[in-house]
Amino acid sequence: MTTEAVAETAPAKVNLSLHVTGRRLDGYHLLDSLVVFADVADRVFASPAHGLSLVVAGPEGAGLQAEPDNLVLRAARLMGVEDAALVLDKRLPVASGIGGGSADAAAALRALARLTGLPLPLADEVLQLGADVPVCLSGRPARMTGIGEQVRPLPTLPPLAVVLVNPRLPVPTPQVFARLTARENPPLPDLPAFALATAETFAGWLAAHSRNDLVAPAREIAPILVDVQAALEATPGCLLARMSGSGGTHFALYASSEAALSASRTLSAAHPFWWIETGRILD
């Protein structure tokens, strides 16, 4: 336990692939996904206080309220924390397919564990906050299966730079899954060792052997996502461009930070109202 404020980052979750492989009787979809995290992130601050409170700030926090069902507050209640002042510095767009809310919840759990000395909740308890929270709590490249509760670390990936693009149009996850027509699709093949040799071989393997099954229903809701995909694919040095999660954020992978920065500048000049961020994939 500490009497000082603590801070934790909530990195953007990037689904390099997302296969929908089935649906349980309770309605939860079965997924098979390769997940990585970018160093573009929200931040969660926790300080000692009397009572539990949350303030939402940051450039992407304007549309959010500190309501009781906010995932950061739910994470605190899950841990049994009653005395903490929480601040969410929101920098990732809302409803954007990069796990912002789940990453925030995971960051809150880590911050409150440091602040209070309490242990992190058990895995099945963490899952109560959402299917993406367990993988966000791990915070490292992983293969996520089941409904999100099965998280297996990936081998070390080659260095990768990334550009994230969102056209400023929220794409609610429930609406995307509601429009999904095929719910029993083939799972991912195992990631072979040769694919990890370079950024180019890794991106090539992803392009040939993986997919995102939510692209078609997301594009029905937001046709502009077709333009986002095309814009990323047109940038020099782009190794792979794809929608992350349920949309509408897309990512593009590059072998170098220089190529990613150049692409980001080009995209920002052509689309000044899109949210565009550049970073690296965390190992």
Protein backbone atom coordinates (compact mmCIF):
# COMPACT_ATOMS: atom_id res chain seq x y z
CA MET A 1 0.00 0.00 0.00
CA THR A 2 1.19 3.50 -0.81
CA THR A 3 0.14 6.99 0.19
CA GLU A 4 1.37 8.43 -3.10
CA ALA A 5 -0.60 8.68 -6.35
CA VAL A 6 0.11 5.93 -8.85
CA ALA A 7 -0.34 5.84 -12.62
CA GLU A 8 -0.78 3.04 -15.12
CA THR A 9 -0.94 3.15 -18.90
CA ALA A 10 -3.80 1.54 -20.82
CA PRO A 11 -2.25 0.68 -24.21
CA ALA A 12 -4.37 0.37 -27.32
CA LYS A 13 -5.24 -3.27 -28.00
CA VAL A 14 -4.72 -4.22 -31.64
CA ASN A 15 -6.36 -7.35 -33.00
CA LEU A 16 -3.96 -8.38 -35.75
CA SER A 17 -6.54 -11.02 -36.62
CA LEU A 18 -9.97 -11.92 -35.29
CA HIS A 19 -11.63 -15.21 -36.21
CA VAL A 20 -15.17 -15.85 -34.96
CA THR A 21 -15.30 -19.61 -34.48
CA GLY A 22 -18.66 -20.21 -32.83
CA ARG A 23 -21.30 -19.02 -30.42
CA ARG A 24 -22.19 -20.39 -27.00
CA LEU A 25 -25.73 -21.03 -25.87
CA ASP A 26 -25.53 -17.98 -23.60
CA GLY A 27 -24.88 -15.76 -26.62
CA TYR A 28 -21.16 -15.16 -26.13
CA HIS A 29 -19.11 -15.54 -29.30
CA LEU A 30 -16.04 -17.77 -29.44
CA LEU A 31 -12.99 -15.99 -30.80
CA ASP A 32 -9.49 -16.83 -31.98
CA SER A 33 -7.34 -13.73 -32.16
CA LEU A 34 -3.73 -12.59 -32.23
CA VAL A 35 -3.56 -9.54 -29.96
CA VAL A 36 -0.77 -7.00 -29.53
CA PHE A 37 -0.54 -3.63 -27.81
CA ALA A 38 0.68 -0.28 -29.09
CA ASP A 39 2.39 2.44 -27.08
CA VAL A 40 -0.54 4.73 -27.84
CA ALA A 41 -2.49 4.71 -24.61
CA ASP A 42 -4.97 6.08 -22.12
CA ARG A 43 -3.73 6.61 -18.56
CA VAL A 44 -5.33 5.88 -15.21
CA PHE A 45 -4.28 7.66 -12.02
CA ALA A 46 -5.23 6.50 -8.53
CA SER A 47 -4.78 8.45 -5.28
CA PRO A 48 -5.75 7.85 -1.64
CA ALA A 49 -9.09 9.43 -0.75
CA HIS A 50 -12.17 9.13 1.41
CA GLY A 51 -14.79 7.55 -0.81
CA LEU A 52 -14.57 6.38 -4.40
CA SER A 53 -14.60 8.91 -7.26
CA LEU A 54 -13.72 9.15 -10.93
CA VAL A 55 -12.87 12.13 -13.11
CA VAL A 56 -12.72 11.66 -16.89
CA ALA A 57 -10.32 14.01 -18.68
CA GLY A 58 -8.16 14.03 -21.79
CA PRO A 59 -8.75 14.86 -25.47
CA GLU A 60 -11.08 11.88 -26.02
CA GLY A 61 -12.98 12.19 -22.75
CA ALA A 62 -15.52 14.81 -23.76
CA GLY A 63 -18.34 12.33 -24.46
CA LEU A 64 -17.76 10.19 -21.37
CA GLN A 65 -19.28 10.54 -17.92
CA ALA A 66 -18.10 9.07 -14.64
CA GLU A 67 -21.25 6.98 -14.38
CA PRO A 68 -21.53 3.98 -12.02
CA ASP A 69 -21.20 1.50 -14.91
CA ASN A 70 -17.93 3.05 -16.13
CA LEU A 71 -15.45 0.18 -16.39
CA VAL A 72 -12.88 1.97 -14.25
CA LEU A 73 -15.34 2.25 -11.38
CA ARG A 74 -16.53 -1.31 -11.93
CA ALA A 75 -12.91 -2.46 -11.69
CA ALA A 76 -12.55 -0.66 -8.36
CA ARG A 77 -15.72 -2.22 -7.00
CA LEU A 78 -14.59 -5.66 -8.19
CA MET A 79 -11.47 -5.25 -6.04
CA GLY A 80 -13.51 -4.05 -3.10
CA VAL A 81 -11.88 -0.61 -3.13
CA GLU A 82 -14.04 2.03 -1.46
CA ASP A 83 -11.51 4.82 -0.90
CA ALA A 84 -9.69 6.06 -4.00
CA ALA A 85 -9.72 9.07 -6.29
CA LEU A 86 -9.40 7.90 -9.90
CA VAL A 87 -8.63 9.97 -12.98
CA LEU A 88 -8.97 8.60 -16.51
CA ASP A 89 -6.89 10.49 -19.06
CA LYS A 90 -8.73 9.43 -22.20
CA ARG A 91 -6.66 9.50 -25.39
CA LEU A 92 -8.11 6.57 -27.35
CA PRO A 93 -11.40 7.08 -29.23
CA VAL A 94 -14.55 5.56 -27.76
CA ALA A 95 -16.17 2.51 -29.43
CA SER A 96 -13.20 2.18 -31.77
CA GLY A 97 -12.20 -1.50 -31.67
CA ILE A 98 -8.90 -1.01 -29.84
CA GLY A 99 -10.10 -2.03 -26.40
CA GLY A 100 -10.07 1.41 -24.79
CA GLY A 101 -12.60 0.61 -22.08
CA SER A 102 -11.13 -2.82 -21.40
CA ALA A 103 -7.60 -1.42 -21.30
CA ASP A 104 -8.79 1.28 -18.89
CA ALA A 105 -10.32 -1.35 -16.61
CA ALA A 106 -7.11 -3.39 -16.66
CA ALA A 107 -5.03 -0.29 -15.91
CA ALA A 108 -7.36 0.57 -13.03
CA LEU A 109 -6.90 -2.92 -11.57
CA ARG A 110 -3.12 -2.60 -11.76
CA ALA A 111 -3.13 0.92 -10.31
CA LEU A 112 -5.43 0.01 -7.43
CA ALA A 113 -3.39 -3.10 -6.62
CA ARG A 114 -0.32 -0.88 -6.29
CA LEU A 115 -2.20 1.77 -4.33
CA THR A 116 -3.87 -0.53 -1.83
CA GLY A 117 -1.68 -3.62 -1.74
CA LEU A 118 -4.70 -5.77 -2.59
CA PRO A 119 -4.20 -8.74 -4.92
CA LEU A 120 -5.53 -8.62 -8.45
CA PRO A 121 -8.87 -10.40 -8.90
CA LEU A 122 -8.95 -13.99 -10.09
CA ALA A 123 -9.19 -14.64 -13.83
CA ASP A 124 -12.87 -15.56 -13.81
CA GLU A 125 -13.64 -12.41 -11.81
CA VAL A 126 -11.71 -10.23 -14.28
CA LEU A 127 -13.82 -11.69 -17.09
CA GLN A 128 -16.90 -10.13 -15.47
CA LEU A 129 -15.61 -6.74 -16.64
CA GLY A 130 -15.55 -7.81 -20.30
CA ALA A 131 -14.10 -10.39 -22.66
CA ASP A 132 -11.09 -8.21 -23.56
CA VAL A 133 -10.05 -7.34 -20.00
CA PRO A 134 -8.00 -10.52 -19.32
CA VAL A 135 -5.77 -10.01 -22.36
CA CYS A 136 -5.46 -6.29 -21.56
CA LEU A 137 -4.42 -7.18 -18.02
CA SER A 138 -1.60 -9.32 -19.40
CA GLY A 139 -0.56 -6.44 -21.65
CA ARG A 140 1.71 -8.43 -23.92
CA PRO A 141 1.34 -10.15 -27.33
CA ALA A 142 -0.97 -13.11 -26.96
CA ARG A 143 -3.31 -15.53 -28.66
CA MET A 144 -6.76 -15.04 -27.19
CA THR A 145 -9.35 -17.81 -27.50
CA GLY A 146 -12.64 -18.89 -25.96
CA ILE A 147 -14.69 -15.81 -25.13
CA GLY A 148 -11.48 -14.05 -24.13
CA GLU A 149 -10.60 -15.98 -20.99
CA GLN A 150 -7.90 -18.13 -22.61
CA VAL A 151 -4.75 -16.01 -23.05
CA ARG A 152 -1.50 -17.61 -24.22
CA PRO A 153 1.66 -15.49 -24.67
CA LEU A 154 3.12 -15.34 -28.15
CA PRO A 155 6.81 -15.84 -28.93
CA THR A 156 8.87 -12.70 -29.35
CA LEU A 157 7.68 -10.77 -32.38
CA PRO A 158 9.94 -8.85 -34.75
CA PRO A 159 10.10 -5.07 -34.18
CA LEU A 160 7.03 -3.42 -35.69
CA ALA A 161 5.89 0.17 -36.08
CA VAL A 162 2.18 0.92 -36.37
CA VAL A 163 -0.19 3.64 -37.52
CA LEU A 164 -3.68 3.68 -36.04
CA VAL A 165 -6.48 5.46 -37.89
CA ASN A 166 -10.06 6.09 -36.83
CA PRO A 167 -12.43 8.16 -39.02
CA ARG A 168 -14.18 9.62 -35.96
CA LEU A 169 -17.21 7.40 -36.36
CA PRO A 170 -18.07 5.14 -33.39
CA VAL A 171 -18.84 1.54 -34.38
CA PRO A 172 -20.64 -0.13 -31.45
CA THR A 173 -19.53 -3.74 -30.96
CA PRO A 174 -23.03 -5.17 -30.27
CA GLN A 175 -24.31 -3.80 -33.58
CA VAL A 176 -21.41 -5.39 -35.45
CA PHE A 177 -21.95 -8.83 -33.93
CA ALA A 178 -25.70 -8.54 -34.54
CA ARG A 179 -25.02 -8.21 -38.28
CA LEU A 180 -22.60 -11.14 -38.40
CA THR A 181 -23.99 -13.85 -40.69
CA ALA A 182 -21.36 -16.62 -40.39
CA ARG A 183 -20.58 -17.46 -36.76
CA GLU A 184 -18.69 -20.74 -37.17
CA ASN A 185 -15.52 -20.03 -39.10
CA PRO A 186 -12.12 -21.76 -39.22
CA PRO A 187 -9.73 -20.96 -36.36
CA LEU A 188 -6.26 -19.52 -36.75
CA PRO A 189 -3.48 -21.90 -37.71
CA ASP A 190 -0.55 -22.05 -35.31
CA LEU A 191 2.00 -19.30 -35.79
CA PRO A 192 5.14 -20.91 -37.30
CA ALA A 193 8.62 -19.94 -36.19
CA PHE A 194 9.69 -18.81 -39.67
CA ALA A 195 7.00 -16.14 -39.67
CA LEU A 196 8.74 -14.37 -36.78
CA ALA A 197 12.01 -13.77 -38.61
CA THR A 198 11.27 -10.23 -39.82
CA ALA A 199 8.48 -7.69 -39.90
CA GLU A 200 7.96 -8.55 -43.56
CA THR A 201 7.61 -12.31 -43.02
CA PHE A 202 5.28 -11.79 -40.07
CA ALA A 203 3.00 -9.41 -41.95
CA GLY A 204 3.06 -11.73 -44.98
CA TRP A 205 2.00 -14.71 -42.86
CA LEU A 206 -0.83 -12.68 -41.30
CA ALA A 207 -2.06 -11.60 -44.71
CA ALA A 208 -2.05 -15.15 -46.07
CA HIS A 209 -3.36 -17.11 -43.07
CA SER A 210 -5.52 -14.82 -40.95
CA ARG A 211 -8.44 -12.42 -41.25
CA ASN A 212 -10.94 -10.32 -39.33
CA ASP A 213 -14.42 -11.84 -39.58
CA LEU A 214 -16.06 -8.61 -38.39
CA VAL A 215 -14.99 -6.47 -41.35
CA ALA A 216 -18.09 -7.03 -43.49
CA PRO A 217 -20.68 -6.23 -40.79
CA ALA A 218 -18.66 -3.22 -39.60
CA ARG A 219 -18.58 -1.84 -43.13
CA GLU A 220 -22.36 -2.19 -43.35
CA ILE A 221 -22.64 0.13 -40.37
CA ALA A 222 -19.84 2.48 -41.46
CA PRO A 223 -19.03 2.35 -45.20
CA ILE A 224 -16.26 4.92 -44.68
CA LEU A 225 -14.14 2.07 -43.30
CA VAL A 226 -13.51 0.99 -46.90
CA ASP A 227 -11.83 4.37 -47.48
CA VAL A 228 -9.75 4.05 -44.31
CA GLN A 229 -8.46 0.65 -45.44
CA ALA A 230 -7.59 1.94 -48.90
CA ALA A 231 -5.83 5.02 -47.52
CA LEU A 232 -3.59 2.91 -45.28
CA GLU A 233 -2.80 0.37 -47.98
CA ALA A 234 -1.68 3.19 -50.27
CA THR A 235 1.04 4.45 -47.91
CA PRO A 236 4.63 3.52 -48.85
CA GLY A 237 6.07 0.78 -46.70
CA CYS A 238 2.73 -0.56 -45.50
CA LEU A 239 3.21 -4.28 -44.79
CA LEU A 240 -0.35 -5.01 -43.71
CA ALA A 241 -3.47 -2.90 -43.18
CA ARG A 242 -6.54 -4.28 -41.45
CA MET A 243 -9.43 -3.35 -39.19
CA SER A 244 -8.84 -3.98 -35.48
CA GLY A 245 -11.51 -5.70 -33.42
CA SER A 246 -15.04 -4.66 -34.30
CA GLY A 247 -13.90 -1.35 -35.83
CA GLY A 248 -13.70 1.32 -36.78
CA THR A 249 -9.99 1.78 -35.99
CA HIS A 250 -7.65 0.33 -38.60
CA PHE A 251 -3.97 -0.39 -38.19
CA ALA A 252 -1.08 -0.56 -40.62
CA LEU A 253 2.21 -2.30 -39.83
CA TYR A 254 5.60 -0.99 -40.95
CA ALA A 255 9.15 -2.27 -40.62
CA SER A 256 10.48 1.06 -39.32
CA SER A 257 9.31 4.04 -37.28
CA GLU A 258 10.43 6.32 -40.10
CA ALA A 259 8.05 4.65 -42.56
CA ALA A 260 5.20 4.84 -40.05
CA LEU A 261 5.82 8.51 -39.32
CA SER A 262 5.93 9.33 -43.03
CA ALA A 263 2.64 7.49 -43.55
CA SER A 264 1.08 9.29 -40.60
CA ARG A 265 2.04 12.70 -41.97
CA THR A 266 0.64 11.85 -45.39
CA LEU A 267 -2.64 10.57 -43.94
CA SER A 268 -3.01 13.54 -41.58
CA ALA A 269 -2.57 15.99 -44.45
CA ALA A 270 -5.16 14.20 -46.58
CA HIS A 271 -7.64 13.53 -43.76
CA PRO A 272 -7.26 16.24 -41.11
CA PHE A 273 -10.40 15.22 -39.20
CA TRP A 274 -9.42 11.57 -38.72
CA TRP A 275 -7.78 10.40 -35.50
CA ILE A 276 -4.31 9.26 -36.51
CA GLU A 277 -1.57 8.09 -34.14
CA THR A 278 1.83 6.51 -34.69
CA GLY A 279 3.66 4.19 -32.35
CA ARG A 280 5.36 0.85 -31.94
CA ILE A 281 4.09 -2.58 -30.99
CA LEU A 282 5.05 -3.38 -27.42
CA ASP A 283 6.96 -6.61 -26.75
